[in-house]
């Protein structure tokens, strides 16, 4: 496979859409082009949509078939029937707000809705001449960035005249944005506010959290320490249950049920089981009111870093980089400042410094992950170049990390686990 063909799929990104309870309602599927012609320049938005649709099978998610996948289409795509390439039962077709839409587009949209697809109008503002499409919409997406509360109230009033469409506030980038959106009456939210939590004043790491972090010290020993690991895991009922339930799922094809931690380690092998234990411990530490998205995103970062390291000349640091990615959102997961967390982590000082926001050779990896998650592909190219990573290495690592994280968070899949 050529370098260019390998790299195309990195342009597909999914960003979660949350409801008021921080549950995942669906995913915004995003595509961005790059200024580097070697990275698959597309002539128009329709070609970009075709490539996104072609790569959707790579983009499963925590919500499974219940989560909606929101995909941008051009009017030409809809008239040509490009949306038929994706399933109607969980696909939301996104169309930009258009003034005076052509009759053939309106007819195609009526057929689309008759077939069961949902229609969303992006960047809705209720502009004159756009009523015809807005009245057909099941969902209205509103960009709340740089909009005053009065502007949002005006947009909400216009939407209420259209019946009862669902409303999504997008570009929610802070706790203040979230409050404004909720006050305006939005039920769904899209943005990165969950990565910047408002920290509870004076919150301390609990004793149970410290205990679980100490489990990492056993896992991170250079030589397998079965004698220490087995009782440490068995002493934690929640982690023991989660681990054994996962190992007895369809992801693994053991001839007999796994009934003990020691048996699990022997059957699976130290390195694979160590990575799964890392994730199990981390996700079980996440407060119950938190969405799984943060755990999932941490897992994706960890595997992305590890795989890119193995393919990009950082083999000796692949394990360190896995841990960097795995711990990179702990502050958001535990609602605690990172500086209060890193002292309990079994990582070296440079990793701790990068986690704490200091600039060093590891912080570039976190910046790479953030650029990917923001679909800023130009910035992805800049960070990859700074790390001496080939575009194809980043692309393949990105895909592999999705597959690996999905296999962990969707244990009912029949696919073999990726190690």
Protein backbone atom coordinates (compact mmCIF):
# COMPACT_ATOMS: atom_id res chain seq x y z
CA UNK A 1 0.00 0.00 0.00
CA UNK A 2 1.42 3.37 -0.94
CA UNK A 3 2.21 6.07 1.56
CA UNK A 4 -0.57 8.32 0.20
CA UNK A 5 -3.24 5.60 0.32
CA UNK A 6 -2.22 4.67 3.84
CA UNK A 7 -2.49 8.24 5.02
CA UNK A 8 -5.93 9.09 3.65
CA UNK A 9 -7.77 7.45 6.53
CA UNK A 10 -6.23 9.72 9.14
CA UNK A 11 -8.63 12.39 7.96
CA UNK A 12 -11.53 10.59 9.59
CA UNK A 13 -12.11 11.65 13.18
CA UNK A 14 -15.00 11.17 15.57
CA UNK A 15 -15.92 13.58 18.31
CA UNK A 16 -18.58 12.69 20.89
CA UNK A 17 -21.83 14.57 21.35
CA UNK A 18 -23.10 14.56 24.93
CA UNK A 19 -26.46 14.95 26.53
CA UNK A 20 -27.06 16.87 29.77
CA UNK A 21 -26.02 13.82 31.82
CA UNK A 22 -22.64 13.47 30.06
CA UNK A 23 -23.88 10.35 28.27
CA UNK A 24 -22.79 9.85 24.68
CA UNK A 25 -25.68 10.61 22.31
CA UNK A 26 -23.69 10.24 19.10
CA UNK A 27 -20.53 11.17 17.22
CA UNK A 28 -19.69 13.99 14.86
CA UNK A 29 -17.67 12.46 12.04
CA UNK A 30 -15.16 15.01 10.79
CA UNK A 31 -12.97 15.37 7.74
CA UNK A 32 -10.29 17.96 7.16
CA UNK A 33 -7.81 18.44 4.35
CA UNK A 34 -4.14 19.34 4.67
CA UNK A 35 -1.98 21.93 3.00
CA UNK A 36 0.55 19.20 2.16
CA UNK A 37 -0.26 17.80 -1.29
CA UNK A 38 1.41 14.50 -0.35
CA UNK A 39 -1.36 13.92 2.14
CA UNK A 40 -4.26 13.41 -0.26
CA UNK A 41 -5.57 16.78 -1.40
CA UNK A 42 -9.20 16.58 -2.49
CA UNK A 43 -10.70 18.71 -5.21
CA UNK A 44 -14.01 19.38 -3.47
CA UNK A 45 -16.12 18.63 -0.42
CA UNK A 46 -17.94 15.78 -2.19
CA UNK A 47 -14.70 13.87 -2.65
CA UNK A 48 -13.92 14.43 1.02
CA UNK A 49 -17.33 13.04 1.96
CA UNK A 50 -16.78 9.97 -0.22
CA UNK A 51 -13.49 9.26 1.56
CA UNK A 52 -15.09 9.74 4.96
CA UNK A 53 -17.95 7.38 4.10
CA UNK A 54 -15.46 4.81 2.81
CA UNK A 55 -13.63 4.88 6.13
CA UNK A 56 -16.67 4.81 8.43
CA UNK A 57 -16.30 1.05 9.07
CA UNK A 58 -13.06 1.92 10.90
CA UNK A 59 -14.90 4.22 13.24
CA UNK A 60 -16.96 2.17 15.63
CA UNK A 61 -17.59 3.65 19.03
CA UNK A 62 -18.70 3.23 22.59
CA UNK A 63 -22.32 3.78 21.70
CA UNK A 64 -22.36 0.85 19.26
CA UNK A 65 -25.41 0.75 17.01
CA UNK A 66 -27.33 3.02 19.39
CA UNK A 67 -25.06 6.00 18.80
CA UNK A 68 -25.82 8.24 15.87
CA UNK A 69 -23.05 9.00 13.39
CA UNK A 70 -23.39 12.53 12.03
CA UNK A 71 -21.85 12.93 8.58
CA UNK A 72 -21.51 16.10 6.49
CA UNK A 73 -22.85 15.93 2.93
CA UNK A 74 -22.96 18.50 0.14
CA UNK A 75 -26.17 19.16 -1.78
CA UNK A 76 -24.61 17.34 -4.75
CA UNK A 77 -23.92 14.29 -2.55
CA UNK A 78 -27.54 14.14 -1.46
CA UNK A 79 -28.91 14.53 -4.99
CA UNK A 80 -26.57 11.74 -6.18
CA UNK A 81 -27.61 9.50 -3.28
CA UNK A 82 -24.15 9.19 -1.68
CA UNK A 83 -25.82 8.77 1.72
CA UNK A 84 -27.06 5.32 0.65
CA UNK A 85 -23.53 4.06 1.32
CA UNK A 86 -24.13 4.39 5.07
CA UNK A 87 -26.92 2.76 7.14
CA UNK A 88 -30.07 4.80 7.60
CA UNK A 89 -30.82 3.60 11.14
CA UNK A 90 -27.98 5.44 12.87
CA UNK A 91 -26.78 8.00 10.31
CA UNK A 92 -27.65 11.68 10.54
CA UNK A 93 -27.12 13.56 7.27
CA UNK A 94 -25.68 17.03 7.95
CA UNK A 95 -26.31 19.81 5.45
CA UNK A 96 -25.24 23.43 5.74
CA UNK A 97 -27.93 26.09 6.13
CA UNK A 98 -28.76 27.11 2.55
CA UNK A 99 -30.73 30.08 1.24
CA UNK A 100 -33.39 29.22 -1.36
CA UNK A 101 -32.49 25.54 -1.93
CA UNK A 102 -33.06 24.07 -5.38
CA UNK A 103 -36.21 22.02 -5.95
CA UNK A 104 -34.25 18.85 -6.83
CA UNK A 105 -32.37 19.10 -3.51
CA UNK A 106 -35.64 19.47 -1.59
CA UNK A 107 -37.06 16.45 -3.42
CA UNK A 108 -33.96 14.38 -2.61
CA UNK A 109 -34.21 15.38 1.04
CA UNK A 110 -37.85 14.35 1.19
CA UNK A 111 -36.87 10.95 -0.21
CA UNK A 112 -33.99 10.73 2.26
CA UNK A 113 -36.30 11.32 5.20
CA UNK A 114 -38.84 8.87 3.81
CA UNK A 115 -36.08 6.23 3.80
CA UNK A 116 -35.49 6.77 7.52
CA UNK A 117 -32.43 9.03 7.58
CA UNK A 118 -32.40 11.96 9.97
CA UNK A 119 -31.50 15.43 8.66
CA UNK A 120 -29.45 18.01 10.54
CA UNK A 121 -28.88 21.61 9.48
CA UNK A 122 -25.41 22.82 10.42
CA UNK A 123 -24.58 26.35 11.61
CA UNK A 124 -28.27 27.17 11.95
CA UNK A 125 -29.02 30.83 12.55
CA UNK A 126 -32.52 31.09 11.10
CA UNK A 127 -31.48 33.27 8.17
CA UNK A 128 -34.21 34.55 5.83
CA UNK A 129 -34.70 32.22 2.89
CA UNK A 130 -33.50 29.14 4.80
CA UNK A 131 -36.86 28.23 6.31
CA UNK A 132 -37.65 25.55 3.73
CA UNK A 133 -34.75 23.33 4.81
CA UNK A 134 -35.01 24.16 8.49
CA UNK A 135 -38.62 23.01 8.54
CA UNK A 136 -37.50 19.60 7.26
CA UNK A 137 -34.73 19.21 9.84
CA UNK A 138 -34.80 16.72 12.69
CA UNK A 139 -31.78 18.39 14.27
CA UNK A 140 -30.39 21.92 14.27
CA UNK A 141 -26.70 22.47 15.04
CA UNK A 142 -25.80 25.87 16.43
CA UNK A 143 -22.28 27.25 16.72
CA UNK A 144 -22.29 28.98 20.10
CA UNK A 145 -18.70 30.30 19.94
CA UNK A 146 -18.59 34.08 20.21
CA UNK A 147 -22.37 34.32 20.50
CA UNK A 148 -23.90 36.30 23.33
CA UNK A 149 -26.75 34.85 25.37
CA UNK A 150 -29.18 37.19 23.57
CA UNK A 151 -28.08 35.77 20.20
CA UNK A 152 -28.63 32.23 21.43
CA UNK A 153 -32.06 33.15 22.78
CA UNK A 154 -32.98 34.59 19.37
CA UNK A 155 -31.85 31.44 17.57
CA UNK A 156 -33.75 29.27 20.03
CA UNK A 157 -36.92 31.34 19.45
CA UNK A 158 -36.58 30.82 15.68
CA UNK A 159 -36.12 27.08 16.15
CA UNK A 160 -39.27 26.79 18.24
CA UNK A 161 -41.32 28.07 15.28
CA UNK A 162 -40.13 25.07 13.25
CA UNK A 163 -41.77 22.42 15.38
CA UNK A 164 -39.66 20.33 17.73
CA UNK A 165 -36.21 19.75 16.20
CA UNK A 166 -33.41 18.50 18.42
CA UNK A 167 -30.79 21.17 19.12
CA UNK A 168 -27.04 20.67 19.41
CA UNK A 169 -24.71 23.36 20.72
CA UNK A 170 -21.34 22.95 19.04
CA UNK A 171 -17.92 24.40 19.86
CA UNK A 172 -18.57 24.14 23.59
CA UNK A 173 -15.02 24.73 24.75
CA UNK A 174 -15.32 25.58 28.44
CA UNK A 175 -17.48 25.19 31.51
CA UNK A 176 -18.83 28.72 30.91
CA UNK A 177 -19.84 27.76 27.37
CA UNK A 178 -21.67 24.73 28.73
CA UNK A 179 -23.58 26.84 31.26
CA UNK A 180 -24.58 29.33 28.52
CA UNK A 181 -25.76 26.52 26.27
CA UNK A 182 -27.77 24.84 29.03
CA UNK A 183 -29.30 28.16 30.10
CA UNK A 184 -30.37 28.77 26.50
CA UNK A 185 -32.12 25.40 26.48
CA UNK A 186 -29.79 23.18 24.42
CA UNK A 187 -30.12 19.46 25.29
CA UNK A 188 -27.04 18.23 23.39
CA UNK A 189 -23.45 19.48 23.36
CA UNK A 190 -20.40 19.05 21.13
CA UNK A 191 -16.92 20.30 21.98
CA UNK A 192 -13.97 19.73 24.24
CA UNK A 193 -15.36 21.10 27.50
CA UNK A 194 -14.99 17.64 29.10
CA UNK A 195 -11.21 17.86 28.70
CA UNK A 196 -11.09 21.04 30.78
CA UNK A 197 -13.06 20.24 33.95
CA UNK A 198 -13.72 22.72 36.68
CA UNK A 199 -11.60 21.36 39.52
CA UNK A 200 -13.20 20.97 42.93
CA UNK A 201 -11.37 23.17 45.38
CA UNK A 202 -9.18 21.18 47.72
CA UNK A 203 -10.14 17.76 46.33
CA UNK A 204 -7.64 15.07 47.30
CA UNK A 205 -6.87 11.72 45.74
CA UNK A 206 -8.84 9.19 47.79
CA UNK A 207 -7.21 6.25 49.51
CA UNK A 208 -8.88 3.81 47.11
CA UNK A 209 -7.54 5.79 44.15
CA UNK A 210 -4.04 5.75 45.64
CA UNK A 211 -4.32 1.98 46.15
CA UNK A 212 -5.25 1.45 42.54
CA UNK A 213 -2.47 3.71 41.31
CA UNK A 214 -0.04 1.62 43.35
CA UNK A 215 -1.09 -1.41 41.31
CA UNK A 216 0.69 0.25 38.42
CA UNK A 217 3.95 -0.03 40.34
CA UNK A 218 3.62 -3.82 40.25
CA UNK A 219 2.60 -3.90 36.60
CA UNK A 220 5.47 -1.63 35.55
CA UNK A 221 8.24 -3.79 37.00
CA UNK A 222 10.72 -4.92 34.37
CA UNK A 223 10.28 -8.58 35.27
CA UNK A 224 6.81 -10.13 35.67
CA UNK A 225 5.91 -10.34 39.35
CA UNK A 226 3.05 -12.83 39.43
CA UNK A 227 3.36 -13.36 43.17
CA UNK A 228 2.74 -9.68 43.94
CA UNK A 229 0.24 -9.00 41.17
CA UNK A 230 -2.17 -11.86 41.86
CA UNK A 231 -3.10 -10.95 45.47
CA UNK A 232 -3.12 -7.23 44.65
CA UNK A 233 -5.76 -7.73 41.95
CA UNK A 234 -7.70 -10.35 43.89
CA UNK A 235 -8.01 -7.92 46.80
CA UNK A 236 -9.98 -5.55 44.56
CA UNK A 237 -13.34 -7.17 43.81
CA UNK A 238 -14.36 -4.66 41.13
CA UNK A 239 -11.15 -5.00 39.13
CA UNK A 240 -11.10 -8.80 39.49
CA UNK A 241 -14.65 -9.05 38.20
CA UNK A 242 -14.02 -6.66 35.30
CA UNK A 243 -10.85 -8.46 34.23
CA UNK A 244 -12.25 -11.99 34.39
CA UNK A 245 -15.50 -10.97 32.69
CA UNK A 246 -13.52 -9.40 29.86
CA UNK A 247 -11.16 -12.35 29.42
CA UNK A 248 -14.10 -14.75 29.22
CA UNK A 249 -15.80 -12.66 26.53
CA UNK A 250 -15.83 -13.36 22.81
CA UNK A 251 -12.63 -11.33 22.37
CA UNK A 252 -10.66 -14.34 23.59
CA UNK A 253 -10.91 -17.92 22.45
CA UNK A 254 -9.69 -19.79 25.50
CA UNK A 255 -10.67 -23.46 25.62
CA UNK A 256 -11.74 -23.11 29.24
CA UNK A 257 -13.11 -20.33 31.39
CA UNK A 258 -10.51 -18.10 33.03
CA UNK A 259 -11.16 -18.33 36.76
CA UNK A 260 -8.13 -16.66 38.32
CA UNK A 261 -5.80 -13.73 37.74
CA UNK A 262 -2.76 -16.01 37.68
CA UNK A 263 -4.42 -18.20 35.07
CA UNK A 264 -5.26 -15.09 33.04
CA UNK A 265 -1.64 -13.94 33.04
CA UNK A 266 -0.31 -17.36 32.05
CA UNK A 267 -2.83 -17.85 29.24
CA UNK A 268 -2.64 -14.35 27.81
CA UNK A 269 1.00 -13.44 28.32
CA UNK A 270 2.51 -10.74 30.49
CA UNK A 271 2.71 -7.86 28.03
CA UNK A 272 -0.85 -8.10 26.60
CA UNK A 273 -2.38 -8.65 30.04
CA UNK A 274 -0.40 -5.73 31.43
CA UNK A 275 -1.93 -3.34 28.89
CA UNK A 276 -5.43 -4.63 29.58
CA UNK A 277 -4.88 -4.34 33.32
CA UNK A 278 -3.67 -0.79 32.89
CA UNK A 279 -6.94 0.10 31.20
CA UNK A 280 -9.10 -1.83 33.63
CA UNK A 281 -7.52 -0.14 36.63
CA UNK A 282 -7.80 3.29 35.02
CA UNK A 283 -11.41 2.93 33.87
CA UNK A 284 -12.48 1.51 37.23
CA UNK A 285 -11.01 4.60 38.88
CA UNK A 286 -13.22 6.89 36.81
CA UNK A 287 -16.13 8.25 38.88
CA UNK A 288 -19.43 6.59 37.95
CA UNK A 289 -20.98 9.88 36.88
CA UNK A 290 -18.30 10.37 34.24
CA UNK A 291 -18.81 9.24 30.70
CA UNK A 292 -16.64 6.44 29.33
CA UNK A 293 -15.43 8.82 26.65
CA UNK A 294 -12.49 10.00 28.76
CA UNK A 295 -11.39 6.43 29.45
CA UNK A 296 -11.80 5.58 25.79
CA UNK A 297 -9.86 8.64 24.67
CA UNK A 298 -7.06 7.82 27.14
CA UNK A 299 -6.86 4.28 25.76
CA UNK A 300 -6.78 5.54 22.19
CA UNK A 301 -3.98 7.98 22.99
CA UNK A 302 -1.99 5.26 24.76
CA UNK A 303 -2.14 2.83 21.83
CA UNK A 304 -1.60 5.60 19.28
CA UNK A 305 1.61 6.66 21.03
CA UNK A 306 2.85 3.10 21.52
CA UNK A 307 2.20 2.03 17.94
CA UNK A 308 3.67 5.19 16.42
CA UNK A 309 6.73 4.78 18.65
CA UNK A 310 7.26 1.19 17.50
CA UNK A 311 6.97 2.24 13.86
CA UNK A 312 8.78 5.55 14.10
CA UNK A 313 12.13 4.87 15.72
CA UNK A 314 11.10 5.21 19.38
CA UNK A 315 11.02 1.49 20.15
CA UNK A 316 12.88 1.86 23.44
CA UNK A 317 10.32 4.39 24.67
CA UNK A 318 7.14 2.73 23.44
CA UNK A 319 6.12 1.61 26.92
CA UNK A 320 6.75 5.06 28.41
CA UNK A 321 4.69 6.63 25.66
CA UNK A 322 1.84 4.20 26.27
CA UNK A 323 1.73 5.37 29.88
CA UNK A 324 1.95 9.02 28.82
CA UNK A 325 -1.16 8.63 26.70
CA UNK A 326 -2.98 6.52 29.28
CA UNK A 327 -2.49 9.07 32.06
CA UNK A 328 -2.85 12.23 29.95
CA UNK A 329 -6.50 12.86 30.93
CA UNK A 330 -6.37 11.77 34.57
CA UNK A 331 -6.96 15.32 35.77
CA UNK A 332 -10.25 15.45 33.85
CA UNK A 333 -11.22 11.94 34.93
CA UNK A 334 -10.62 12.59 38.63
CA UNK A 335 -11.51 16.30 38.70
CA UNK A 336 -8.14 16.98 40.30
CA UNK A 337 -5.14 19.04 39.29
CA UNK A 338 -2.51 16.97 37.53
CA UNK A 339 0.21 18.12 39.91
CA UNK A 340 -1.65 16.35 42.72
CA UNK A 341 -1.85 13.15 40.70
CA UNK A 342 1.59 12.72 39.13
CA UNK A 343 3.36 12.09 42.44
CA UNK A 344 1.41 8.83 42.70
CA UNK A 345 2.24 7.67 39.15
CA UNK A 346 4.95 5.08 38.41
CA UNK A 347 6.51 7.11 35.57
CA UNK A 348 9.77 9.01 35.29
CA UNK A 349 10.15 12.72 35.96
CA UNK A 350 10.08 13.78 32.30
CA UNK A 351 6.73 12.03 31.77
CA UNK A 352 5.39 13.65 34.93
CA UNK A 353 6.57 17.05 33.69
CA UNK A 354 4.84 16.58 30.32
CA UNK A 355 1.63 15.48 32.03
CA UNK A 356 1.84 18.58 34.18
CA UNK A 357 1.96 20.85 31.13
CA UNK A 358 5.69 21.49 30.87
CA UNK A 359 7.33 21.62 27.44
CA UNK A 360 9.74 18.77 26.81
CA UNK A 361 10.28 15.97 24.31
CA UNK A 362 7.21 14.11 25.55
CA UNK A 363 4.81 17.06 25.49
CA UNK A 364 4.94 17.02 21.67
CA UNK A 365 3.14 13.68 21.74
CA UNK A 366 0.28 15.14 23.76
CA UNK A 367 0.10 18.07 21.33
CA UNK A 368 -0.06 15.56 18.45
CA UNK A 369 -3.01 13.78 20.08
CA UNK A 370 -4.86 17.04 20.69
CA UNK A 371 -4.36 18.08 17.06
CA UNK A 372 -5.80 14.75 15.86
CA UNK A 373 -8.76 14.99 18.23
CA UNK A 374 -9.45 18.53 17.00
CA UNK A 375 -9.24 17.39 13.36
CA UNK A 376 -6.53 20.00 12.79
CA UNK A 377 -4.62 18.02 10.17
CA UNK A 378 -2.22 20.81 9.31
CA UNK A 379 -1.12 20.87 12.95
CA UNK A 380 -0.94 17.06 12.93
CA UNK A 381 1.57 17.33 10.09
CA UNK A 382 3.63 19.91 11.97
CA UNK A 383 3.77 17.83 15.16
CA UNK A 384 4.50 14.62 13.26
CA UNK A 385 7.38 16.30 11.47
CA UNK A 386 8.75 17.62 14.77
CA UNK A 387 8.71 14.04 16.08
CA UNK A 388 10.27 12.68 12.87
CA UNK A 389 7.21 10.54 12.28
CA UNK A 390 6.14 9.74 8.72
CA UNK A 391 2.52 10.61 7.82
CA UNK A 392 1.83 6.95 7.08
CA UNK A 393 3.12 5.93 10.51
CA UNK A 394 0.71 8.32 12.21
CA UNK A 395 -2.18 7.19 9.97
CA UNK A 396 -1.70 3.47 10.56
CA UNK A 397 -1.17 4.02 14.29
CA UNK A 398 -4.34 6.10 14.46
CA UNK A 399 -6.40 3.34 12.83
CA UNK A 400 -4.82 0.60 14.94
CA UNK A 401 -5.51 2.54 18.13
CA UNK A 402 -9.21 2.77 17.22
CA UNK A 403 -9.40 -0.99 16.64
CA UNK A 404 -7.58 -1.77 19.86
CA UNK A 405 -9.58 0.64 22.04
CA UNK A 406 -12.87 -0.51 20.49
CA UNK A 407 -12.05 -4.14 21.29
CA UNK A 408 -11.58 -3.23 24.94
CA UNK A 409 -14.65 -1.04 25.35
CA UNK A 410 -16.93 -3.27 23.28
CA UNK A 411 -16.17 -6.73 24.74
CA UNK A 412 -19.12 -8.35 22.99
CA UNK A 413 -17.44 -8.06 19.59
CA UNK A 414 -16.52 -11.29 17.88
CA UNK A 415 -13.27 -9.92 16.50
CA UNK A 416 -10.01 -11.20 17.83
CA UNK A 417 -8.30 -8.84 20.30
CA UNK A 418 -5.58 -6.63 18.97
CA UNK A 419 -2.40 -6.71 21.01
